[in-house]
Amino acid sequence: MIRRLAAAILLLSLASCISAPPTDVSVRTYKVSGSSLSALERSLSTHGPEVPGLSGRAFAAVETTFLHSFEPVQQGSVCRYSRSGRVGIRSEVILPEWRQRETAAPDLKEKWDVISSYAVIHESGHIKISQKYARQLESAYRQASAPTCAELEAKMERIIGPIADAHVRAQQHFDATDMPRFRSYLRQHGYSIGG
């Protein structure tokens, strides 16, 4: 099941991205156990990934690193970044692996599968947001210039800061506004949660 989830994450994160930046996605799992929903919730709250700004632990998470291959090139009185450079992302998706899934009651297994599937969709959403900001960073690198390469590097540091801040805000907004999407997904699969 984990291999299928990894493939789904990659496909979802690349879908509808005609000019997707280089994206490397891997999946890491953590073990949870329980033979009831309440036991699983306790295990998740103990073993789930810690996410900055979230009280408690998450069901799933993604850790993303931005990478670039731009090199400053001095050409006469102007320094620019090499035009062949790219900005890409490396994302590690962290998902739970339920130890007793194969021997669990069918209704509990079905609930788990629905929630796990939504976790893949949700984390893919985070990857898509990161891809958007990778494209913005790449554009900034391509457009930047300065009289010297030292000045260019300093200029890029000032440019990157606001883009990085906007990326963090976009990820936080995505999480903060996710509950209606999650409820809708559950309803589509015959489940509901309060509120």
N, C-alpha and C. Protein backbone atom coordinates (compact mmCIF):
# COMPACT_ATOMS: atom_id res chain seq x y z
N MET A 1 0.82 -1.20 0.00
CA MET A 1 0.00 0.00 0.00
C MET A 1 0.86 1.25 0.00
N ILE A 2 1.99 1.24 0.70
CA ILE A 2 2.86 2.41 0.77
C ILE A 2 3.41 2.76 -0.61
N ARG A 3 3.78 1.76 -1.40
CA ARG A 3 4.28 2.04 -2.76
C ARG A 3 3.21 2.71 -3.60
N ARG A 4 1.97 2.25 -3.47
CA ARG A 4 0.88 2.87 -4.22
C ARG A 4 0.68 4.31 -3.77
N LEU A 5 0.79 4.55 -2.46
CA LEU A 5 0.65 5.92 -1.96
C LEU A 5 1.76 6.81 -2.49
N ALA A 6 2.98 6.30 -2.52
CA ALA A 6 4.10 7.09 -3.03
C ALA A 6 3.89 7.45 -4.50
N ALA A 7 3.44 6.49 -5.27
CA ALA A 7 3.17 6.75 -6.69
C ALA A 7 2.04 7.77 -6.83
N ALA A 8 1.02 7.65 -6.00
CA ALA A 8 -0.10 8.59 -6.06
C ALA A 8 0.35 10.00 -5.71
N ILE A 9 1.21 10.13 -4.72
CA ILE A 9 1.71 11.44 -4.32
C ILE A 9 2.45 12.08 -5.49
N LEU A 10 3.32 11.34 -6.10
CA LEU A 10 4.09 11.90 -7.22
C LEU A 10 3.17 12.29 -8.37
N LEU A 11 2.23 11.43 -8.71
CA LEU A 11 1.32 11.74 -9.81
C LEU A 11 0.44 12.94 -9.50
N LEU A 12 -0.08 13.01 -8.27
CA LEU A 12 -0.92 14.15 -7.90
C LEU A 12 -0.14 15.44 -7.89
N SER A 13 1.11 15.39 -7.44
CA SER A 13 1.89 16.62 -7.36
C SER A 13 2.32 17.11 -8.74
N LEU A 14 2.41 16.20 -9.71
CA LEU A 14 2.81 16.61 -11.06
C LEU A 14 1.62 16.86 -11.98
N ALA A 15 0.44 16.39 -11.59
CA ALA A 15 -0.75 16.57 -12.42
C ALA A 15 -1.05 18.06 -12.57
N SER A 16 -1.45 18.44 -13.73
CA SER A 16 -1.83 19.81 -14.07
C SER A 16 -0.69 20.81 -13.94
N CYS A 17 0.53 20.34 -13.82
CA CYS A 17 1.69 21.23 -13.76
C CYS A 17 2.46 21.06 -15.06
N ILE A 18 2.09 21.82 -16.07
CA ILE A 18 2.72 21.68 -17.37
C ILE A 18 4.21 21.94 -17.27
N SER A 19 4.58 22.97 -16.54
CA SER A 19 6.00 23.29 -16.41
C SER A 19 6.46 23.06 -14.97
N ALA A 20 6.18 21.88 -14.46
CA ALA A 20 6.55 21.57 -13.08
C ALA A 20 8.05 21.64 -12.90
N PRO A 21 8.48 22.27 -11.82
CA PRO A 21 9.92 22.29 -11.56
C PRO A 21 10.40 20.88 -11.20
N PRO A 22 11.70 20.64 -11.29
CA PRO A 22 12.20 19.33 -10.88
C PRO A 22 11.71 18.99 -9.47
N THR A 23 11.09 17.84 -9.34
CA THR A 23 10.47 17.45 -8.07
C THR A 23 10.87 16.03 -7.74
N ASP A 24 11.48 15.87 -6.57
CA ASP A 24 11.88 14.56 -6.08
C ASP A 24 11.05 14.28 -4.84
N VAL A 25 10.20 13.26 -4.88
CA VAL A 25 9.32 12.94 -3.77
C VAL A 25 9.68 11.56 -3.24
N SER A 26 9.85 11.48 -1.93
CA SER A 26 10.05 10.18 -1.29
C SER A 26 9.04 10.06 -0.15
N VAL A 27 8.84 8.84 0.31
CA VAL A 27 7.89 8.58 1.39
C VAL A 27 8.62 7.89 2.52
N ARG A 28 8.38 8.40 3.72
CA ARG A 28 8.87 7.77 4.95
C ARG A 28 7.65 7.44 5.79
N THR A 29 7.67 6.31 6.43
CA THR A 29 6.52 5.94 7.25
C THR A 29 6.91 5.87 8.72
N TYR A 30 5.91 5.99 9.54
CA TYR A 30 6.06 5.75 10.97
C TYR A 30 5.00 4.73 11.36
N LYS A 31 5.28 3.93 12.35
CA LYS A 31 4.39 2.83 12.74
C LYS A 31 3.33 3.31 13.72
N VAL A 32 2.09 2.87 13.48
CA VAL A 32 1.01 3.06 14.43
C VAL A 32 0.35 1.71 14.65
N SER A 33 -0.30 1.57 15.79
CA SER A 33 -0.97 0.30 16.06
C SER A 33 -2.27 0.56 16.80
N GLY A 34 -3.14 -0.42 16.72
CA GLY A 34 -4.42 -0.34 17.40
C GLY A 34 -5.45 -1.17 16.67
N SER A 35 -6.40 -1.68 17.46
CA SER A 35 -7.46 -2.49 16.86
C SER A 35 -8.81 -1.79 16.92
N SER A 36 -8.78 -0.51 17.33
CA SER A 36 -10.00 0.31 17.34
C SER A 36 -9.62 1.72 16.90
N LEU A 37 -10.61 2.50 16.54
CA LEU A 37 -10.35 3.87 16.11
C LEU A 37 -9.71 4.69 17.23
N SER A 38 -10.19 4.51 18.46
CA SER A 38 -9.62 5.28 19.58
C SER A 38 -8.17 4.85 19.86
N ALA A 39 -7.86 3.57 19.72
CA ALA A 39 -6.48 3.11 19.92
C ALA A 39 -5.57 3.66 18.82
N LEU A 40 -6.08 3.71 17.59
CA LEU A 40 -5.30 4.29 16.50
C LEU A 40 -5.05 5.78 16.74
N GLU A 41 -6.08 6.49 17.20
CA GLU A 41 -5.92 7.92 17.48
C GLU A 41 -4.86 8.15 18.55
N ARG A 42 -4.84 7.31 19.58
CA ARG A 42 -3.82 7.44 20.63
C ARG A 42 -2.43 7.19 20.05
N SER A 43 -2.30 6.17 19.22
CA SER A 43 -1.01 5.84 18.62
C SER A 43 -0.55 6.97 17.69
N LEU A 44 -1.47 7.52 16.90
CA LEU A 44 -1.14 8.64 16.02
C LEU A 44 -0.70 9.85 16.83
N SER A 45 -1.37 10.12 17.96
CA SER A 45 -1.02 11.29 18.77
C SER A 45 0.33 11.13 19.47
N THR A 46 0.82 9.91 19.55
CA THR A 46 2.13 9.66 20.15
C THR A 46 3.23 9.60 19.09
N HIS A 47 2.94 8.99 17.95
CA HIS A 47 3.98 8.71 16.95
C HIS A 47 3.94 9.58 15.70
N GLY A 48 2.85 10.32 15.51
CA GLY A 48 2.72 11.13 14.31
C GLY A 48 3.79 12.21 14.22
N PRO A 49 4.01 12.76 13.02
CA PRO A 49 5.04 13.78 12.85
C PRO A 49 4.66 15.08 13.55
N GLU A 50 5.67 15.75 14.07
CA GLU A 50 5.46 17.07 14.67
C GLU A 50 5.56 18.10 13.55
N VAL A 51 4.59 19.00 13.52
CA VAL A 51 4.54 20.03 12.50
C VAL A 51 4.59 21.38 13.19
N PRO A 52 5.52 22.26 12.79
CA PRO A 52 5.61 23.59 13.42
C PRO A 52 4.26 24.31 13.35
N GLY A 53 3.87 24.91 14.47
CA GLY A 53 2.63 25.66 14.54
C GLY A 53 1.40 24.81 14.85
N LEU A 54 1.57 23.51 14.93
CA LEU A 54 0.45 22.61 15.22
C LEU A 54 0.61 22.08 16.63
N SER A 55 -0.45 22.22 17.43
CA SER A 55 -0.39 21.63 18.76
C SER A 55 -0.71 20.15 18.61
N GLY A 56 0.08 19.33 19.21
CA GLY A 56 -0.09 17.90 19.04
C GLY A 56 0.66 17.41 17.80
N ARG A 57 0.32 16.23 17.38
CA ARG A 57 1.00 15.63 16.24
C ARG A 57 0.04 15.48 15.07
N ALA A 58 0.59 15.45 13.88
CA ALA A 58 -0.20 15.35 12.66
C ALA A 58 -0.36 13.89 12.25
N PHE A 59 -1.34 13.63 11.41
CA PHE A 59 -1.53 12.32 10.82
C PHE A 59 -0.45 12.07 9.77
N ALA A 60 -0.18 13.11 8.98
CA ALA A 60 0.83 13.04 7.92
C ALA A 60 1.48 14.41 7.78
N ALA A 61 2.61 14.46 7.11
CA ALA A 61 3.30 15.73 6.91
C ALA A 61 4.20 15.61 5.69
N VAL A 62 4.68 16.75 5.23
CA VAL A 62 5.66 16.77 4.15
C VAL A 62 6.75 17.75 4.54
N GLU A 63 7.98 17.34 4.34
CA GLU A 63 9.14 18.19 4.58
C GLU A 63 9.76 18.48 3.22
N THR A 64 9.83 19.77 2.87
CA THR A 64 10.31 20.15 1.55
C THR A 64 11.55 21.02 1.64
N THR A 65 12.49 20.74 0.77
CA THR A 65 13.71 21.53 0.64
C THR A 65 13.76 22.07 -0.79
N PHE A 66 14.07 23.35 -0.92
CA PHE A 66 14.26 23.96 -2.23
C PHE A 66 15.73 23.82 -2.62
N LEU A 67 15.98 23.44 -3.85
CA LEU A 67 17.34 23.27 -4.36
C LEU A 67 17.48 24.08 -5.64
N HIS A 68 18.66 24.61 -5.89
CA HIS A 68 18.85 25.32 -7.15
C HIS A 68 20.22 25.01 -7.73
N SER A 69 20.32 25.18 -9.05
CA SER A 69 21.59 24.93 -9.74
C SER A 69 22.09 26.19 -10.45
N PHE A 70 21.67 27.35 -9.98
CA PHE A 70 22.12 28.60 -10.58
C PHE A 70 23.51 28.97 -10.08
N GLU A 71 24.36 29.40 -11.01
CA GLU A 71 25.70 29.86 -10.67
C GLU A 71 25.85 31.30 -11.16
N PRO A 72 26.42 32.19 -10.33
CA PRO A 72 26.63 33.56 -10.80
C PRO A 72 27.75 33.59 -11.85
N VAL A 73 27.52 34.39 -12.90
CA VAL A 73 28.48 34.50 -14.00
C VAL A 73 28.72 35.98 -14.29
N GLN A 74 29.96 36.41 -14.13
CA GLN A 74 30.32 37.80 -14.43
C GLN A 74 30.54 37.93 -15.93
N GLN A 75 29.80 38.84 -16.57
CA GLN A 75 29.96 39.10 -18.00
C GLN A 75 30.13 40.61 -18.17
N GLY A 76 31.39 41.02 -18.30
CA GLY A 76 31.68 42.44 -18.40
C GLY A 76 31.32 43.15 -17.12
N SER A 77 30.46 44.15 -17.22
CA SER A 77 30.11 44.96 -16.04
C SER A 77 28.84 44.47 -15.35
N VAL A 78 28.36 43.27 -15.71
CA VAL A 78 27.12 42.75 -15.12
C VAL A 78 27.33 41.29 -14.71
N CYS A 79 26.81 40.97 -13.54
CA CYS A 79 26.80 39.57 -13.08
C CYS A 79 25.35 39.10 -13.10
N ARG A 80 25.13 37.95 -13.72
CA ARG A 80 23.81 37.31 -13.79
C ARG A 80 23.98 35.84 -13.43
N TYR A 81 22.85 35.20 -13.17
CA TYR A 81 22.90 33.76 -12.94
C TYR A 81 22.84 33.03 -14.28
N SER A 82 23.48 31.89 -14.31
CA SER A 82 23.50 31.07 -15.52
C SER A 82 22.06 30.79 -15.96
N ARG A 83 21.81 30.88 -17.24
CA ARG A 83 20.46 30.69 -17.77
C ARG A 83 20.02 29.23 -17.74
N SER A 84 20.94 28.32 -17.59
CA SER A 84 20.60 26.90 -17.58
C SER A 84 20.20 26.40 -16.19
N GLY A 85 20.27 27.26 -15.19
CA GLY A 85 19.93 26.83 -13.83
C GLY A 85 18.45 26.53 -13.66
N ARG A 86 18.13 25.77 -12.63
CA ARG A 86 16.75 25.42 -12.28
C ARG A 86 16.59 25.50 -10.78
N VAL A 87 15.38 25.70 -10.34
CA VAL A 87 15.01 25.57 -8.94
C VAL A 87 14.07 24.39 -8.87
N GLY A 88 14.35 23.46 -7.99
CA GLY A 88 13.51 22.29 -7.81
C GLY A 88 13.22 22.08 -6.34
N ILE A 89 12.46 21.05 -6.07
CA ILE A 89 12.16 20.72 -4.68
C ILE A 89 12.42 19.25 -4.41
N ARG A 90 12.79 18.98 -3.19
CA ARG A 90 12.90 17.61 -2.69
C ARG A 90 11.94 17.51 -1.51
N SER A 91 10.94 16.65 -1.65
CA SER A 91 9.92 16.52 -0.61
C SER A 91 9.91 15.12 -0.05
N GLU A 92 9.85 15.05 1.26
CA GLU A 92 9.69 13.76 1.93
C GLU A 92 8.33 13.77 2.61
N VAL A 93 7.46 12.88 2.16
CA VAL A 93 6.12 12.77 2.73
C VAL A 93 6.18 11.74 3.86
N ILE A 94 5.61 12.10 4.99
CA ILE A 94 5.62 11.23 6.16
C ILE A 94 4.20 10.73 6.38
N LEU A 95 4.03 9.42 6.29
CA LEU A 95 2.71 8.80 6.39
C LEU A 95 2.72 7.69 7.45
N PRO A 96 1.56 7.44 8.06
CA PRO A 96 1.49 6.34 9.02
C PRO A 96 1.39 4.98 8.33
N GLU A 97 1.97 4.00 8.96
CA GLU A 97 1.83 2.61 8.50
C GLU A 97 1.20 1.84 9.65
N TRP A 98 0.00 1.38 9.43
CA TRP A 98 -0.78 0.70 10.46
C TRP A 98 -0.40 -0.76 10.51
N ARG A 99 0.13 -1.18 11.63
CA ARG A 99 0.65 -2.54 11.77
C ARG A 99 -0.43 -3.62 11.64
N GLN A 100 -1.61 -3.37 12.16
CA GLN A 100 -2.66 -4.40 12.18
C GLN A 100 -3.66 -4.24 11.04
N ARG A 101 -3.35 -3.48 10.03
CA ARG A 101 -4.33 -3.20 8.97
C ARG A 101 -4.88 -4.49 8.35
N GLU A 102 -4.03 -5.43 8.03
CA GLU A 102 -4.48 -6.63 7.31
C GLU A 102 -5.41 -7.51 8.13
N THR A 103 -5.33 -7.44 9.45
CA THR A 103 -6.18 -8.28 10.30
C THR A 103 -7.30 -7.50 10.97
N ALA A 104 -7.44 -6.23 10.61
CA ALA A 104 -8.45 -5.37 11.24
C ALA A 104 -9.85 -5.67 10.73
N ALA A 105 -10.82 -5.20 11.49
CA ALA A 105 -12.22 -5.32 11.07
C ALA A 105 -12.41 -4.54 9.77
N PRO A 106 -13.21 -5.07 8.85
CA PRO A 106 -13.38 -4.43 7.54
C PRO A 106 -13.82 -2.97 7.62
N ASP A 107 -14.73 -2.61 8.53
CA ASP A 107 -15.19 -1.22 8.60
C ASP A 107 -14.08 -0.29 9.08
N LEU A 108 -13.25 -0.74 10.01
CA LEU A 108 -12.14 0.08 10.49
C LEU A 108 -11.08 0.22 9.39
N LYS A 109 -10.82 -0.86 8.69
CA LYS A 109 -9.87 -0.83 7.58
C LYS A 109 -10.34 0.16 6.50
N GLU A 110 -11.64 0.15 6.22
CA GLU A 110 -12.19 1.05 5.21
C GLU A 110 -12.04 2.52 5.64
N LYS A 111 -12.36 2.81 6.90
CA LYS A 111 -12.19 4.18 7.41
C LYS A 111 -10.73 4.61 7.31
N TRP A 112 -9.83 3.73 7.71
CA TRP A 112 -8.40 4.03 7.65
C TRP A 112 -7.98 4.35 6.22
N ASP A 113 -8.44 3.53 5.29
CA ASP A 113 -8.05 3.73 3.89
C ASP A 113 -8.57 5.06 3.34
N VAL A 114 -9.77 5.45 3.72
CA VAL A 114 -10.33 6.73 3.27
C VAL A 114 -9.49 7.88 3.83
N ILE A 115 -9.20 7.83 5.12
CA ILE A 115 -8.42 8.91 5.73
C ILE A 115 -6.99 8.92 5.18
N SER A 116 -6.40 7.76 4.99
CA SER A 116 -5.05 7.69 4.43
C SER A 116 -5.00 8.23 3.01
N SER A 117 -6.03 7.93 2.24
CA SER A 117 -6.08 8.45 0.87
C SER A 117 -6.17 9.97 0.88
N TYR A 118 -6.96 10.51 1.81
CA TYR A 118 -7.06 11.97 1.87
C TYR A 118 -5.72 12.58 2.30
N ALA A 119 -5.00 11.90 3.17
CA ALA A 119 -3.69 12.41 3.59
C ALA A 119 -2.76 12.55 2.39
N VAL A 120 -2.82 11.61 1.47
CA VAL A 120 -2.01 11.69 0.25
C VAL A 120 -2.42 12.90 -0.58
N ILE A 121 -3.73 13.09 -0.74
CA ILE A 121 -4.22 14.25 -1.49
C ILE A 121 -3.77 15.55 -0.82
N HIS A 122 -3.91 15.60 0.50
CA HIS A 122 -3.54 16.81 1.24
C HIS A 122 -2.05 17.12 1.11
N GLU A 123 -1.21 16.13 1.33
CA GLU A 123 0.23 16.37 1.25
C GLU A 123 0.65 16.71 -0.18
N SER A 124 -0.04 16.15 -1.17
CA SER A 124 0.23 16.53 -2.56
C SER A 124 -0.09 18.00 -2.78
N GLY A 125 -1.12 18.50 -2.10
CA GLY A 125 -1.44 19.92 -2.17
C GLY A 125 -0.29 20.78 -1.66
N HIS A 126 0.35 20.33 -0.59
CA HIS A 126 1.52 21.06 -0.07
C HIS A 126 2.66 21.05 -1.09
N ILE A 127 2.84 19.93 -1.75
CA ILE A 127 3.91 19.85 -2.76
C ILE A 127 3.62 20.79 -3.92
N LYS A 128 2.35 20.86 -4.35
CA LYS A 128 1.99 21.78 -5.43
C LYS A 128 2.27 23.23 -5.05
N ILE A 129 1.99 23.58 -3.81
CA ILE A 129 2.29 24.94 -3.34
C ILE A 129 3.79 25.19 -3.42
N SER A 130 4.59 24.24 -2.99
CA SER A 130 6.05 24.39 -3.05
C SER A 130 6.52 24.51 -4.50
N GLN A 131 5.89 23.77 -5.40
CA GLN A 131 6.26 23.88 -6.82
C GLN A 131 5.99 25.29 -7.34
N LYS A 132 4.89 25.87 -6.92
CA LYS A 132 4.56 27.24 -7.33
C LYS A 132 5.66 28.20 -6.90
N TYR A 133 6.12 28.06 -5.66
CA TYR A 133 7.16 28.96 -5.16
C TYR A 133 8.53 28.63 -5.75
N ALA A 134 8.74 27.39 -6.14
CA ALA A 134 9.98 27.05 -6.85
C ALA A 134 10.02 27.78 -8.19
N ARG A 135 8.87 27.83 -8.87
CA ARG A 135 8.81 28.57 -10.15
C ARG A 135 9.09 30.06 -9.92
N GLN A 136 8.54 30.62 -8.83
CA GLN A 136 8.80 32.04 -8.53
C GLN A 136 10.28 32.28 -8.25
N LEU A 137 10.90 31.38 -7.49
CA LEU A 137 12.32 31.52 -7.20
C LEU A 137 13.15 31.41 -8.49
N GLU A 138 12.80 30.47 -9.34
CA GLU A 138 13.52 30.30 -10.60
C GLU A 138 13.42 31.56 -11.45
N SER A 139 12.24 32.14 -11.50
CA SER A 139 12.05 33.38 -12.26
C SER A 139 12.91 34.51 -11.66
N ALA A 140 12.95 34.58 -10.36
CA ALA A 140 13.75 35.62 -9.69
C ALA A 140 15.23 35.44 -10.01
N TYR A 141 15.72 34.21 -9.97
CA TYR A 141 17.12 33.96 -10.33
C TYR A 141 17.41 34.38 -11.76
N ARG A 142 16.50 34.05 -12.67
CA ARG A 142 16.72 34.35 -14.09
C ARG A 142 16.71 35.86 -14.36
N GLN A 143 15.94 36.61 -13.59
CA GLN A 143 15.81 38.05 -13.83
C GLN A 143 16.84 38.88 -13.08
N ALA A 144 17.47 38.32 -12.07
CA ALA A 144 18.37 39.11 -11.22
C ALA A 144 19.69 39.44 -11.92
N SER A 145 20.17 40.62 -11.63
CA SER A 145 21.50 41.03 -12.12
C SER A 145 22.03 42.11 -11.19
N ALA A 146 23.34 42.27 -11.19
CA ALA A 146 24.00 43.29 -10.37
C ALA A 146 25.37 43.55 -10.98
N PRO A 147 26.01 44.65 -10.59
CA PRO A 147 27.33 44.96 -11.15
C PRO A 147 28.39 43.89 -10.84
N THR A 148 28.32 43.29 -9.64
CA THR A 148 29.29 42.25 -9.28
C THR A 148 28.54 41.02 -8.78
N CYS A 149 29.22 39.90 -8.79
CA CYS A 149 28.59 38.66 -8.32
C CYS A 149 28.34 38.70 -6.82
N ALA A 150 29.20 39.37 -6.06
CA ALA A 150 28.97 39.51 -4.62
C ALA A 150 27.69 40.31 -4.37
N GLU A 151 27.49 41.36 -5.15
CA GLU A 151 26.27 42.16 -5.01
C GLU A 151 25.04 41.35 -5.46
N LEU A 152 25.23 40.52 -6.48
CA LEU A 152 24.13 39.69 -6.95
C LEU A 152 23.70 38.70 -5.87
N GLU A 153 24.66 38.07 -5.22
CA GLU A 153 24.33 37.12 -4.15
C GLU A 153 23.60 37.82 -3.01
N ALA A 154 24.05 39.02 -2.63
CA ALA A 154 23.39 39.77 -1.57
C ALA A 154 21.97 40.17 -1.99
N LYS A 155 21.82 40.56 -3.25
CA LYS A 155 20.52 40.93 -3.77
C LYS A 155 19.56 39.74 -3.73
N MET A 156 20.05 38.57 -4.11
CA MET A 156 19.19 37.38 -4.10
C MET A 156 18.75 37.02 -2.69
N GLU A 157 19.61 37.20 -1.72
CA GLU A 157 19.21 36.93 -0.34
C GLU A 157 18.03 37.80 0.04
N ARG A 158 18.04 39.06 -0.38
CA ARG A 158 16.93 39.98 -0.08
C ARG A 158 15.67 39.58 -0.86
N ILE A 159 15.82 39.06 -2.05
CA ILE A 159 14.68 38.64 -2.87
C ILE A 159 14.07 37.35 -2.34
N ILE A 160 14.92 36.43 -1.94
CA ILE A 160 14.45 35.11 -1.48
C ILE A 160 13.63 35.22 -0.19
N GLY A 161 14.01 36.09 0.72
CA GLY A 161 13.32 36.21 2.01
C GLY A 161 11.82 36.38 1.88
N PRO A 162 11.33 37.39 1.13
CA PRO A 162 9.88 37.55 0.99
C PRO A 162 9.20 36.38 0.28
N ILE A 163 9.88 35.77 -0.67
CA ILE A 163 9.29 34.61 -1.36
C ILE A 163 9.16 33.45 -0.38
N ALA A 164 10.19 33.24 0.42
CA ALA A 164 10.14 32.17 1.42
C ALA A 164 9.04 32.43 2.45
N ASP A 165 8.89 33.68 2.88
CA ASP A 165 7.83 34.03 3.83
C ASP A 165 6.45 33.78 3.22
N ALA A 166 6.27 34.15 1.96
CA ALA A 166 4.99 33.94 1.27
C ALA A 166 4.70 32.44 1.15
N HIS A 167 5.74 31.64 0.91
CA HIS A 167 5.58 30.19 0.83
C HIS A 167 5.06 29.64 2.15
N VAL A 168 5.66 30.06 3.24
CA VAL A 168 5.22 29.59 4.57
C VAL A 168 3.76 30.00 4.81
N ARG A 169 3.41 31.24 4.51
CA ARG A 169 2.03 31.70 4.70
C ARG A 169 1.06 30.90 3.84
N ALA A 170 1.44 30.59 2.60
CA ALA A 170 0.56 29.82 1.72
C ALA A 170 0.34 28.41 2.28
N GLN A 171 1.40 27.80 2.82
CA GLN A 171 1.26 26.46 3.41
C GLN A 171 0.36 26.51 4.64
N GLN A 172 0.54 27.53 5.47
CA GLN A 172 -0.29 27.66 6.67
C GLN A 172 -1.75 27.90 6.30
N HIS A 173 -1.99 28.72 5.28
CA HIS A 173 -3.35 28.99 4.83
C HIS A 173 -4.00 27.72 4.30
N PHE A 174 -3.24 26.93 3.55
CA PHE A 174 -3.75 25.67 3.02
C PHE A 174 -4.22 24.77 4.16
N ASP A 175 -3.40 24.66 5.21
CA ASP A 175 -3.79 23.84 6.37
C ASP A 175 -5.00 24.41 7.09
N ALA A 176 -4.99 25.75 7.27
CA ALA A 176 -6.06 26.39 8.02
C ALA A 176 -7.41 26.29 7.31
N THR A 177 -7.40 26.15 5.99
CA THR A 177 -8.65 26.11 5.23
C THR A 177 -8.98 24.70 4.73
N ASP A 178 -8.34 23.70 5.25
CA ASP A 178 -8.50 22.34 4.74
C ASP A 178 -9.74 21.62 5.25
N MET A 179 -10.25 21.98 6.41
CA MET A 179 -11.35 21.21 7.01
C MET A 179 -12.57 21.06 6.08
N PRO A 180 -13.02 22.09 5.37
CA PRO A 180 -14.16 21.86 4.46
C PRO A 180 -13.84 20.85 3.35
N ARG A 181 -12.62 20.87 2.83
CA ARG A 181 -12.24 19.89 1.80
C ARG A 181 -12.25 18.48 2.38
N PHE A 182 -11.74 18.35 3.60
CA PHE A 182 -11.69 17.04 4.25
C PHE A 182 -13.11 16.53 4.51
N ARG A 183 -13.99 17.40 5.03
CA ARG A 183 -15.38 16.99 5.28
C ARG A 183 -16.06 16.55 3.99
N SER A 184 -15.84 17.30 2.93
CA SER A 184 -16.44 16.96 1.64
C SER A 184 -15.94 15.60 1.16
N TYR A 185 -14.66 15.35 1.30
CA TYR A 185 -14.08 14.07 0.89
C TYR A 185 -14.69 12.93 1.71
N LEU A 186 -14.82 13.14 3.00
CA LEU A 186 -15.43 12.10 3.84
C LEU A 186 -16.88 11.83 3.43
N ARG A 187 -17.64 12.91 3.17
CA ARG A 187 -19.03 12.75 2.75
C ARG A 187 -19.11 11.93 1.45
N GLN A 188 -18.20 12.20 0.54
CA GLN A 188 -18.18 11.45 -0.73
C GLN A 188 -17.99 9.96 -0.49
N HIS A 189 -17.37 9.62 0.64
CA HIS A 189 -17.09 8.22 0.96
C HIS A 189 -18.00 7.68 2.07
N GLY A 190 -19.07 8.44 2.37
CA GLY A 190 -20.06 7.95 3.32
C GLY A 190 -19.76 8.19 4.78
N TYR A 191 -18.85 9.08 5.08
CA TYR A 191 -18.50 9.39 6.47
C TYR A 191 -18.72 10.86 6.76
N SER A 192 -18.76 11.20 8.04
CA SER A 192 -18.85 12.61 8.42
C SER A 192 -18.12 12.81 9.74
N ILE A 193 -17.76 14.07 9.98
CA ILE A 193 -17.19 14.45 11.26
C ILE A 193 -17.93 15.68 11.73
N GLY A 194 -17.83 15.98 13.01
CA GLY A 194 -18.56 17.11 13.61
C GLY A 194 -18.22 18.45 13.01
N GLY A 195 -19.05 19.44 13.30
CA GLY A 195 -18.82 20.83 12.92
C GLY A 195 -19.24 21.10 11.55
